[in-house]
PDB file of N, CA and C in Angstrom:
ATOM      1  N   UNK A   1     -21.121  32.436  91.215  1.00  0.00           N
ATOM      2  CA  UNK A   1     -20.829  33.565  92.062  1.00  0.00           C
ATOM      3  C   UNK A   1     -19.382  33.998  91.816  1.00  0.00           C
ATOM      4  N   UNK A   2     -19.163  35.305  91.809  1.00  0.00           N
ATOM      5  CA  UNK A   2     -17.843  35.874  91.536  1.00  0.00           C
ATOM      6  C   UNK A   2     -17.492  36.841  92.661  1.00  0.00           C
ATOM      7  N   UNK A   3     -16.321  36.652  93.249  1.00  0.00           N
ATOM      8  CA  UNK A   3     -15.852  37.553  94.302  1.00  0.00           C
ATOM      9  C   UNK A   3     -14.613  38.286  93.807  1.00  0.00           C
ATOM     10  N   UNK A   4     -14.555  39.563  94.121  1.00  0.00           N
ATOM     11  CA  UNK A   4     -13.425  40.412  93.746  1.00  0.00           C
ATOM     12  C   UNK A   4     -12.881  41.065  95.016  1.00  0.00           C
ATOM     13  N   UNK A   5     -11.569  41.002  95.173  1.00  0.00           N
ATOM     14  CA  UNK A   5     -10.878  41.764  96.208  1.00  0.00           C
ATOM     15  C   UNK A   5      -9.975  42.745  95.479  1.00  0.00           C
ATOM     16  N   UNK A   6     -10.099  44.011  95.817  1.00  0.00           N
ATOM     17  CA  UNK A   6      -9.296  45.032  95.141  1.00  0.00           C
ATOM     18  C   UNK A   6      -8.704  45.962  96.189  1.00  0.00           C
ATOM     19  N   UNK A   7      -7.430  46.254  96.047  1.00  0.00           N
ATOM     20  CA  UNK A   7      -6.746  47.211  96.911  1.00  0.00           C
ATOM     21  C   UNK A   7      -6.205  48.327  96.035  1.00  0.00           C
ATOM     22  N   UNK A   8      -6.458  49.564  96.467  1.00  0.00           N
ATOM     23  CA  UNK A   8      -5.969  50.721  95.720  1.00  0.00           C
ATOM     24  C   UNK A   8      -5.188  51.645  96.648  1.00  0.00           C
ATOM     25  N   UNK A   9      -4.174  52.259  96.105  1.00  0.00           N
ATOM     26  CA  UNK A   9      -3.394  53.276  96.795  1.00  0.00           C
ATOM     27  C   UNK A   9      -3.704  54.606  96.124  1.00  0.00           C
ATOM     28  N   UNK A  10      -4.104  55.577  96.931  1.00  0.00           N
ATOM     29  CA  UNK A  10      -4.548  56.875  96.429  1.00  0.00           C
ATOM     30  C   UNK A  10      -3.415  57.895  96.575  1.00  0.00           C
ATOM     31  N   UNK A  11      -3.326  58.802  95.618  1.00  0.00           N
ATOM     32  CA  UNK A  11      -2.310  59.857  95.634  1.00  0.00           C
ATOM     33  C   UNK A  11      -2.432  60.711  96.896  1.00  0.00           C
ATOM     34  N   UNK A  12      -1.300  61.249  97.366  1.00  0.00           N
ATOM     35  CA  UNK A  12      -1.353  62.181  98.492  1.00  0.00           C
ATOM     36  C   UNK A  12      -2.306  63.340  98.181  1.00  0.00           C
ATOM     37  N   UNK A  13      -3.104  63.701  99.160  1.00  0.00           N
ATOM     38  CA  UNK A  13      -4.047  64.799  99.002  1.00  0.00           C
ATOM     39  C   UNK A  13      -5.348  64.423  98.325  1.00  0.00           C
ATOM     40  N   UNK A  14      -5.498  63.182  97.895  1.00  0.00           N
ATOM     41  CA  UNK A  14      -6.708  62.751  97.182  1.00  0.00           C
ATOM     42  C   UNK A  14      -7.565  61.769  97.989  1.00  0.00           C
ATOM     43  N   UNK A  15      -7.109  61.359  99.159  1.00  0.00           N
ATOM     44  CA  UNK A  15      -7.809  60.308  99.909  1.00  0.00           C
ATOM     45  C   UNK A  15      -9.218  60.719 100.318  1.00  0.00           C
ATOM     46  N   UNK A  16      -9.399  61.952 100.757  1.00  0.00           N
ATOM     47  CA  UNK A  16     -10.740  62.362 101.208  1.00  0.00           C
ATOM     48  C   UNK A  16     -11.713  62.422 100.039  1.00  0.00           C
ATOM     49  N   UNK A  17     -11.272  62.938  98.919  1.00  0.00           N
ATOM     50  CA  UNK A  17     -12.158  62.985  97.744  1.00  0.00           C
ATOM     51  C   UNK A  17     -12.482  61.576  97.269  1.00  0.00           C
ATOM     52  N   UNK A  18     -11.484  60.707  97.249  1.00  0.00           N
ATOM     53  CA  UNK A  18     -11.723  59.324  96.847  1.00  0.00           C
ATOM     54  C   UNK A  18     -12.724  58.665  97.800  1.00  0.00           C
ATOM     55  N   UNK A  19     -12.566  58.903  99.091  1.00  0.00           N
ATOM     56  CA  UNK A  19     -13.498  58.340 100.075  1.00  0.00           C
ATOM     57  C   UNK A  19     -14.922  58.830  99.815  1.00  0.00           C
ATOM     58  N   UNK A  20     -15.082  60.101  99.479  1.00  0.00           N
ATOM     59  CA  UNK A  20     -16.415  60.635  99.151  1.00  0.00           C
ATOM     60  C   UNK A  20     -17.001  59.922  97.932  1.00  0.00           C
ATOM     61  N   UNK A  21     -16.201  59.761  96.900  1.00  0.00           N
ATOM     62  CA  UNK A  21     -16.672  59.119  95.666  1.00  0.00           C
ATOM     63  C   UNK A  21     -17.114  57.683  95.916  1.00  0.00           C
ATOM     64  N   UNK A  22     -16.295  56.913  96.625  1.00  0.00           N
ATOM     65  CA  UNK A  22     -16.636  55.501  96.807  1.00  0.00           C
ATOM     66  C   UNK A  22     -17.721  55.304  97.857  1.00  0.00           C
ATOM     67  N   UNK A  23     -17.864  56.245  98.788  1.00  0.00           N
ATOM     68  CA  UNK A  23     -18.978  56.170  99.741  1.00  0.00           C
ATOM     69  C   UNK A  23     -20.297  56.350  99.005  1.00  0.00           C
ATOM     70  N   UNK A  24     -20.353  57.298  98.082  1.00  0.00           N
ATOM     71  CA  UNK A  24     -21.573  57.483  97.285  1.00  0.00           C
ATOM     72  C   UNK A  24     -21.806  56.282  96.373  1.00  0.00           C
ATOM     73  N   UNK A  25     -20.748  55.774  95.771  1.00  0.00           N
ATOM     74  CA  UNK A  25     -20.885  54.586  94.920  1.00  0.00           C
ATOM     75  C   UNK A  25     -21.458  53.425  95.720  1.00  0.00           C
ATOM     76  N   UNK A  26     -20.959  53.219  96.918  1.00  0.00           N
ATOM     77  CA  UNK A  26     -21.445  52.145  97.786  1.00  0.00           C
ATOM     78  C   UNK A  26     -22.941  52.293  98.050  1.00  0.00           C
ATOM     79  N   UNK A  27     -23.375  53.509  98.357  1.00  0.00           N
ATOM     80  CA  UNK A  27     -24.807  53.759  98.584  1.00  0.00           C
ATOM     81  C   UNK A  27     -25.620  53.431  97.337  1.00  0.00           C
ATOM     82  N   UNK A  28     -25.136  53.860  96.183  1.00  0.00           N
ATOM     83  CA  UNK A  28     -25.840  53.597  94.921  1.00  0.00           C
ATOM     84  C   UNK A  28     -25.916  52.101  94.627  1.00  0.00           C
ATOM     85  N   UNK A  29     -24.822  51.397  94.847  1.00  0.00           N
ATOM     86  CA  UNK A  29     -24.807  49.948  94.607  1.00  0.00           C
ATOM     87  C   UNK A  29     -25.814  49.255  95.517  1.00  0.00           C
ATOM     88  N   UNK A  30     -25.793  49.587  96.803  1.00  0.00           N
ATOM     89  CA  UNK A  30     -26.709  48.950  97.754  1.00  0.00           C
ATOM     90  C   UNK A  30     -28.167  49.230  97.398  1.00  0.00           C
ATOM     91  N   UNK A  31     -28.452  50.402  96.867  1.00  0.00           N
ATOM     92  CA  UNK A  31     -29.835  50.778  96.546  1.00  0.00           C
ATOM     93  C   UNK A  31     -30.329  50.192  95.229  1.00  0.00           C
ATOM     94  N   UNK A  32     -29.430  49.883  94.308  1.00  0.00           N
ATOM     95  CA  UNK A  32     -29.851  49.586  92.937  1.00  0.00           C
ATOM     96  C   UNK A  32     -29.390  48.258  92.352  1.00  0.00           C
ATOM     97  N   UNK A  33     -28.573  47.509  93.057  1.00  0.00           N
ATOM     98  CA  UNK A  33     -27.989  46.309  92.457  1.00  0.00           C
ATOM     99  C   UNK A  33     -28.227  45.070  93.322  1.00  0.00           C
ATOM    100  N   UNK A  34     -29.405  44.479  93.234  1.00  0.00           N
ATOM    101  CA  UNK A  34     -29.693  43.311  94.077  1.00  0.00           C
ATOM    102  C   UNK A  34     -28.802  42.105  93.789  1.00  0.00           C
ATOM    103  N   UNK A  35     -28.242  42.010  92.593  1.00  0.00           N
ATOM    104  CA  UNK A  35     -27.366  40.880  92.276  1.00  0.00           C
ATOM    105  C   UNK A  35     -25.901  41.152  92.593  1.00  0.00           C
ATOM    106  N   UNK A  36     -25.626  42.342  93.124  1.00  0.00           N
ATOM    107  CA  UNK A  36     -24.328  42.595  93.741  1.00  0.00           C
ATOM    108  C   UNK A  36     -24.547  42.267  95.208  1.00  0.00           C
ATOM    109  N   UNK A  37     -24.132  41.085  95.598  1.00  0.00           N
ATOM    110  CA  UNK A  37     -24.462  40.551  96.915  1.00  0.00           C
ATOM    111  C   UNK A  37     -23.695  41.231  98.032  1.00  0.00           C
ATOM    112  N   UNK A  38     -22.471  41.622  97.745  1.00  0.00           N
ATOM    113  CA  UNK A  38     -21.639  42.342  98.715  1.00  0.00           C
ATOM    114  C   UNK A  38     -20.887  43.425  97.956  1.00  0.00           C
ATOM    115  N   UNK A  39     -20.914  44.635  98.477  1.00  0.00           N
ATOM    116  CA  UNK A  39     -20.068  45.711  97.958  1.00  0.00           C
ATOM    117  C   UNK A  39     -19.701  46.575  99.151  1.00  0.00           C
ATOM    118  N   UNK A  40     -18.496  46.403  99.642  1.00  0.00           N
ATOM    119  CA  UNK A  40     -18.023  47.157 100.798  1.00  0.00           C
ATOM    120  C   UNK A  40     -16.654  47.736 100.493  1.00  0.00           C
ATOM    121  N   UNK A  41     -16.411  48.904 101.045  1.00  0.00           N
ATOM    122  CA  UNK A  41     -15.126  49.581 100.887  1.00  0.00           C
ATOM    123  C   UNK A  41     -14.586  49.837 102.281  1.00  0.00           C
ATOM    124  N   UNK A  42     -13.328  49.486 102.479  1.00  0.00           N
ATOM    125  CA  UNK A  42     -12.689  49.647 103.781  1.00  0.00           C
ATOM    126  C   UNK A  42     -11.448  50.509 103.623  1.00  0.00           C
ATOM    127  N   UNK A  43     -11.243  51.387 104.591  1.00  0.00           N
ATOM    128  CA  UNK A  43     -10.035  52.219 104.595  1.00  0.00           C
ATOM    129  C   UNK A  43      -9.025  51.555 105.518  1.00  0.00           C
ATOM    130  N   UNK A  44      -7.810  51.422 105.057  1.00  0.00           N
ATOM    131  CA  UNK A  44      -6.757  50.738 105.797  1.00  0.00           C
ATOM    132  C   UNK A  44      -6.376  51.533 107.043  1.00  0.00           C
ATOM    133  N   UNK A  45      -6.374  50.880 108.202  1.00  0.00           N
ATOM    134  CA  UNK A  45      -5.998  51.557 109.447  1.00  0.00           C
ATOM    135  C   UNK A  45      -4.526  51.959 109.469  1.00  0.00           C
ATOM    136  N   UNK A  46      -3.692  51.248 108.736  1.00  0.00           N
ATOM    137  CA  UNK A  46      -2.266  51.536 108.737  1.00  0.00           C
ATOM    138  C   UNK A  46      -1.820  52.531 107.681  1.00  0.00           C
ATOM    139  N   UNK A  47      -2.706  52.840 106.738  1.00  0.00           N
ATOM    140  CA  UNK A  47      -2.362  53.763 105.648  1.00  0.00           C
ATOM    141  C   UNK A  47      -3.650  54.410 105.160  1.00  0.00           C
ATOM    142  N   UNK A  48      -3.877  55.658 105.540  1.00  0.00           N
ATOM    143  CA  UNK A  48      -5.149  56.336 105.245  1.00  0.00           C
ATOM    144  C   UNK A  48      -5.397  56.529 103.756  1.00  0.00           C
ATOM    145  N   UNK A  49      -4.380  56.332 102.941  1.00  0.00           N
ATOM    146  CA  UNK A  49      -4.568  56.479 101.493  1.00  0.00           C
ATOM    147  C   UNK A  49      -4.661  55.117 100.789  1.00  0.00           C
ATOM    148  N   UNK A  50      -4.896  54.055 101.564  1.00  0.00           N
ATOM    149  CA  UNK A  50      -5.093  52.715 100.987  1.00  0.00           C
ATOM    150  C   UNK A  50      -6.518  52.261 101.299  1.00  0.00           C
ATOM    151  N   UNK A  51      -7.196  51.775 100.260  1.00  0.00           N
ATOM    152  CA  UNK A  51      -8.582  51.323 100.383  1.00  0.00           C
ATOM    153  C   UNK A  51      -8.691  49.899  99.853  1.00  0.00           C
ATOM    154  N   UNK A  52      -9.575  49.131 100.488  1.00  0.00           N
ATOM    155  CA  UNK A  52      -9.818  47.746 100.089  1.00  0.00           C
ATOM    156  C   UNK A  52     -11.290  47.599  99.719  1.00  0.00           C
ATOM    157  N   UNK A  53     -11.555  46.977  98.596  1.00  0.00           N
ATOM    158  CA  UNK A  53     -12.918  46.717  98.129  1.00  0.00           C
ATOM    159  C   UNK A  53     -13.188  45.221  98.229  1.00  0.00           C
ATOM    160  N   UNK A  54     -14.380  44.878  98.709  1.00  0.00           N
ATOM    161  CA  UNK A  54     -14.856  43.497  98.733  1.00  0.00           C
ATOM    162  C   UNK A  54     -16.153  43.492  97.939  1.00  0.00           C
ATOM    163  N   UNK A  55     -16.160  42.738  96.846  1.00  0.00           N
ATOM    164  CA  UNK A  55     -17.319  42.711  95.956  1.00  0.00           C
ATOM    165  C   UNK A  55     -17.677  41.258  95.658  1.00  0.00           C
ATOM    166  N   UNK A  56     -18.964  40.933  95.772  1.00  0.00           N
ATOM    167  CA  UNK A  56     -19.438  39.598  95.410  1.00  0.00           C
ATOM    168  C   UNK A  56     -20.651  39.768  94.506  1.00  0.00           C
ATOM    169  N   UNK A  57     -20.575  39.152  93.348  1.00  0.00           N
ATOM    170  CA  UNK A  57     -21.638  39.243  92.348  1.00  0.00           C
ATOM    171  C   UNK A  57     -22.292  37.880  92.173  1.00  0.00           C
ATOM    172  N   UNK A  58     -23.595  37.885  91.927  1.00  0.00           N
ATOM    173  CA  UNK A  58     -24.326  36.635  91.730  1.00  0.00           C
ATOM    174  C   UNK A  58     -23.797  35.870  90.526  1.00  0.00           C
ATOM    175  N   UNK A  59     -23.384  36.609  89.488  1.00  0.00           N
ATOM    176  CA  UNK A  59     -22.907  35.968  88.262  1.00  0.00           C
ATOM    177  C   UNK A  59     -22.169  37.002  87.414  1.00  0.00           C
ATOM    178  N   UNK A  60     -21.672  36.572  86.285  1.00  0.00           N
ATOM    179  CA  UNK A  60     -20.922  37.460  85.388  1.00  0.00           C
ATOM    180  C   UNK A  60     -21.782  38.620  84.898  1.00  0.00           C
ATOM    181  N   UNK A  61     -23.063  38.357  84.644  1.00  0.00           N
ATOM    182  CA  UNK A  61     -23.962  39.422  84.180  1.00  0.00           C
ATOM    183  C   UNK A  61     -24.090  40.519  85.235  1.00  0.00           C
ATOM    184  N   UNK A  62     -24.173  40.152  86.502  1.00  0.00           N
ATOM    185  CA  UNK A  62     -24.262  41.144  87.581  1.00  0.00           C
ATOM    186  C   UNK A  62     -22.982  41.968  87.663  1.00  0.00           C
ATOM    187  N   UNK A  63     -21.851  41.320  87.483  1.00  0.00           N
ATOM    188  CA  UNK A  63     -20.558  42.025  87.490  1.00  0.00           C
ATOM    189  C   UNK A  63     -20.496  43.037  86.349  1.00  0.00           C
ATOM    190  N   UNK A  64     -20.944  42.641  85.163  1.00  0.00           N
ATOM    191  CA  UNK A  64     -20.954  43.540  84.011  1.00  0.00           C
ATOM    192  C   UNK A  64     -21.929  44.699  84.211  1.00  0.00           C
ATOM    193  N   UNK A  65     -23.124  44.402  84.731  1.00  0.00           N
ATOM    194  CA  UNK A  65     -24.102  45.477  84.994  1.00  0.00           C
ATOM    195  C   UNK A  65     -23.517  46.493  85.967  1.00  0.00           C
ATOM    196  N   UNK A  66     -22.876  46.008  87.017  1.00  0.00           N
ATOM    197  CA  UNK A  66     -22.272  46.888  88.017  1.00  0.00           C
ATOM    198  C   UNK A  66     -21.293  47.861  87.354  1.00  0.00           C
ATOM    199  N   UNK A  67     -20.418  47.337  86.532  1.00  0.00           N
ATOM    200  CA  UNK A  67     -19.392  48.168  85.887  1.00  0.00           C
ATOM    201  C   UNK A  67     -19.981  49.188  84.926  1.00  0.00           C
ATOM    202  N   UNK A  68     -21.182  48.938  84.440  1.00  0.00           N
ATOM    203  CA  UNK A  68     -21.784  49.807  83.429  1.00  0.00           C
ATOM    204  C   UNK A  68     -22.950  50.647  83.931  1.00  0.00           C
ATOM    205  N   UNK A  69     -23.186  50.652  85.235  1.00  0.00           N
ATOM    206  CA  UNK A  69     -24.253  51.492  85.782  1.00  0.00           C
ATOM    207  C   UNK A  69     -23.878  52.964  85.598  1.00  0.00           C
ATOM    208  N   UNK A  70     -24.867  53.806  85.331  1.00  0.00           N
ATOM    209  CA  UNK A  70     -24.612  55.230  85.079  1.00  0.00           C
ATOM    210  C   UNK A  70     -23.805  55.878  86.198  1.00  0.00           C
ATOM    211  N   UNK A  71     -24.182  55.616  87.449  1.00  0.00           N
ATOM    212  CA  UNK A  71     -23.489  56.247  88.577  1.00  0.00           C
ATOM    213  C   UNK A  71     -22.051  55.737  88.693  1.00  0.00           C
ATOM    214  N   UNK A  72     -21.804  54.504  88.320  1.00  0.00           N
ATOM    215  CA  UNK A  72     -20.442  53.965  88.357  1.00  0.00           C
ATOM    216  C   UNK A  72     -19.591  54.629  87.277  1.00  0.00           C
ATOM    217  N   UNK A  73     -20.142  54.726  86.088  1.00  0.00           N
ATOM    218  CA  UNK A  73     -19.422  55.374  84.989  1.00  0.00           C
ATOM    219  C   UNK A  73     -19.162  56.850  85.290  1.00  0.00           C
ATOM    220  N   UNK A  74     -20.128  57.522  85.938  1.00  0.00           N
ATOM    221  CA  UNK A  74     -20.005  58.955  86.223  1.00  0.00           C
ATOM    222  C   UNK A  74     -18.852  59.260  87.174  1.00  0.00           C
ATOM    223  N   UNK A  75     -18.553  58.347  88.114  1.00  0.00           N
ATOM    224  CA  UNK A  75     -17.485  58.619  89.069  1.00  0.00           C
ATOM    225  C   UNK A  75     -16.148  58.004  88.668  1.00  0.00           C
ATOM    226  N   UNK A  76     -16.157  57.165  87.661  1.00  0.00           N
ATOM    227  CA  UNK A  76     -14.960  56.383  87.331  1.00  0.00           C
ATOM    228  C   UNK A  76     -13.754  57.236  86.945  1.00  0.00           C
ATOM    229  N   UNK A  77     -13.915  58.206  86.064  1.00  0.00           N
ATOM    230  CA  UNK A  77     -12.767  59.007  85.629  1.00  0.00           C
ATOM    231  C   UNK A  77     -12.109  59.720  86.802  1.00  0.00           C
ATOM    232  N   UNK A  78     -12.932  60.365  87.632  1.00  0.00           N
ATOM    233  CA  UNK A  78     -12.366  61.080  88.777  1.00  0.00           C
ATOM    234  C   UNK A  78     -11.762  60.101  89.779  1.00  0.00           C
ATOM    235  N   UNK A  79     -12.420  58.982  89.991  1.00  0.00           N
ATOM    236  CA  UNK A  79     -11.897  57.976  90.913  1.00  0.00           C
ATOM    237  C   UNK A  79     -10.557  57.420  90.455  1.00  0.00           C
ATOM    238  N   UNK A  80     -10.473  57.029  89.180  1.00  0.00           N
ATOM    239  CA  UNK A  80      -9.212  56.499  88.648  1.00  0.00           C
ATOM    240  C   UNK A  80      -8.114  57.554  88.707  1.00  0.00           C
ATOM    241  N   UNK A  81      -8.453  58.822  88.501  1.00  0.00           N
ATOM    242  CA  UNK A  81      -7.453  59.893  88.538  1.00  0.00           C
ATOM    243  C   UNK A  81      -6.860  60.074  89.937  1.00  0.00           C
ATOM    244  N   UNK A  82      -7.554  59.614  90.960  1.00  0.00           N
ATOM    245  CA  UNK A  82      -7.058  59.708  92.334  1.00  0.00           C
ATOM    246  C   UNK A  82      -5.990  58.660  92.647  1.00  0.00           C
ATOM    247  N   UNK A  83      -5.904  57.612  91.840  1.00  0.00           N
ATOM    248  CA  UNK A  83      -5.023  56.494  92.169  1.00  0.00           C
ATOM    249  C   UNK A  83      -3.558  56.810  91.900  1.00  0.00           C
ATOM    250  N   UNK A  84      -2.711  56.355  92.820  1.00  0.00           N
ATOM    251  CA  UNK A  84      -1.269  56.549  92.701  1.00  0.00           C
ATOM    252  C   UNK A  84      -0.622  55.477  91.831  1.00  0.00           C
ATOM    253  N   UNK A  85      -1.294  54.345  91.685  1.00  0.00           N
ATOM    254  CA  UNK A  85      -0.748  53.222  90.914  1.00  0.00           C
ATOM    255  C   UNK A  85      -1.904  52.320  90.502  1.00  0.00           C
ATOM    256  N   UNK A  86      -1.607  51.360  89.662  1.00  0.00           N
ATOM    257  CA  UNK A  86      -2.640  50.410  89.256  1.00  0.00           C
ATOM    258  C   UNK A  86      -3.143  49.644  90.475  1.00  0.00           C
ATOM    259  N   UNK A  87      -4.435  49.372  90.525  1.00  0.00           N
ATOM    260  CA  UNK A  87      -4.973  48.619  91.660  1.00  0.00           C
ATOM    261  C   UNK A  87      -4.523  47.160  91.615  1.00  0.00           C
ATOM    262  N   UNK A  88      -4.494  46.545  92.790  1.00  0.00           N
ATOM    263  CA  UNK A  88      -4.283  45.105  92.880  1.00  0.00           C
ATOM    264  C   UNK A  88      -5.677  44.469  92.897  1.00  0.00           C
ATOM    265  N   UNK A  89      -5.995  43.677  91.892  1.00  0.00           N
ATOM    266  CA  UNK A  89      -7.322  43.074  91.772  1.00  0.00           C
ATOM    267  C   UNK A  89      -7.161  41.563  91.740  1.00  0.00           C
ATOM    268  N   UNK A  90      -7.928  40.891  92.595  1.00  0.00           N
ATOM    269  CA  UNK A  90      -7.929  39.432  92.636  1.00  0.00           C
ATOM    270  C   UNK A  90      -9.357  38.939  92.484  1.00  0.00           C
ATOM    271  N   UNK A  91      -9.564  38.027  91.547  1.00  0.00           N
ATOM    272  CA  UNK A  91     -10.857  37.360  91.430  1.00  0.00           C
ATOM    273  C   UNK A  91     -10.755  36.061  92.216  1.00  0.00           C
ATOM    274  N   UNK A  92     -11.774  35.793  93.031  1.00  0.00           N
ATOM    275  CA  UNK A  92     -11.735  34.665  93.955  1.00  0.00           C
ATOM    276  C   UNK A  92     -12.995  33.817  93.821  1.00  0.00           C
ATOM    277  N   UNK A  93     -12.888  32.576  94.250  1.00  0.00           N
ATOM    278  CA  UNK A  93     -14.045  31.693  94.324  1.00  0.00           C
ATOM    279  C   UNK A  93     -14.505  31.629  95.770  1.00  0.00           C
ATOM    280  N   UNK A  94     -15.752  32.029  96.054  1.00  0.00           N
ATOM    281  CA  UNK A  94     -16.265  31.934  97.420  1.00  0.00           C
ATOM    282  C   UNK A  94     -16.337  30.476  97.875  1.00  0.00           C
ATOM    283  N   UNK A  95     -16.019  30.242  99.122  1.00  0.00           N
ATOM    284  CA  UNK A  95     -16.153  28.921  99.726  1.00  0.00           C
ATOM    285  C   UNK A  95     -17.464  28.906 100.497  1.00  0.00           C
ATOM    286  N   UNK A  96     -18.537  28.686  99.804  1.00  0.00           N
ATOM    287  CA  UNK A  96     -19.863  28.728 100.402  1.00  0.00           C
ATOM    288  C   UNK A  96     -20.707  29.730  99.656  1.00  0.00           C
ATOM    289  N   UNK A  97     -21.875  30.015 100.197  1.00  0.00           N
ATOM    290  CA  UNK A  97     -22.793  30.930  99.525  1.00  0.00           C
ATOM    291  C   UNK A  97     -22.925  32.214 100.322  1.00  0.00           C
ATOM    292  N   UNK A  98     -23.328  33.253  99.630  1.00  0.00           N
ATOM    293  CA  UNK A  98     -23.567  34.548 100.251  1.00  0.00           C
ATOM    294  C   UNK A  98     -25.043  34.868 100.135  1.00  0.00           C
ATOM    295  N   UNK A  99     -25.610  35.380 101.189  1.00  0.00           N
ATOM    296  CA  UNK A  99     -26.922  36.009 101.114  1.00  0.00           C
ATOM    297  C   UNK A  99     -26.648  37.500 101.157  1.00  0.00           C
ATOM    298  N   UNK A 100     -27.487  38.284 100.535  1.00  0.00           N
ATOM    299  CA  UNK A 100     -27.280  39.736 100.579  1.00  0.00           C
ATOM    300  C   UNK A 100     -27.345  40.168 102.030  1.00  0.00           C
ATOM    301  N   UNK A 101     -26.271  40.752 102.494  1.00  0.00           N
ATOM    302  CA  UNK A 101     -26.176  41.154 103.890  1.00  0.00           C
ATOM    303  C   UNK A 101     -26.870  42.489 104.093  1.00  0.00           C
ATOM    304  N   UNK A 102     -27.294  42.738 105.306  1.00  0.00           N
ATOM    305  CA  UNK A 102     -27.836  44.045 105.640  1.00  0.00           C
ATOM    306  C   UNK A 102     -26.764  45.098 105.456  1.00  0.00           C
ATOM    307  N   UNK A 103     -27.151  46.246 105.020  1.00  0.00           N
ATOM    308  CA  UNK A 103     -26.191  47.309 104.720  1.00  0.00           C
ATOM    309  C   UNK A 103     -25.613  47.893 105.992  1.00  0.00           C
ATOM    310  N   UNK A 104     -24.302  48.100 105.984  1.00  0.00           N
ATOM    311  CA  UNK A 104     -23.663  48.837 107.059  1.00  0.00           C
ATOM    312  C   UNK A 104     -24.066  50.295 106.902  1.00  0.00           C
ATOM    313  N   UNK A 105     -24.152  50.999 107.973  1.00  0.00           N
ATOM    314  CA  UNK A 105     -24.527  52.413 107.926  1.00  0.00           C
ATOM    315  C   UNK A 105     -23.318  53.280 107.733  1.00  0.00           C
TER     316      UNK A 105
END
């Protein structure tokens, strides 16, 4: 199992568009990627242009499939263009197991 925590800072004026892009990505992931056990995006309460991603993959193959899904590739250029700086990405080892959680609405 592979867990990723990622924090991104979005350029001024781009936060709403970025939120739209990642909200659709989240829906697509939940609908199409059973081996992506967790994929959630959170907007920082203290900074509306900061977003946090929590991703848990069953294995390396699931992580690679996620990155190469058509819908992920389609939004990537525009999403990356919204960023003010390089994202902070941490790969983590889960302490325990994850079951695919019910989707937040």
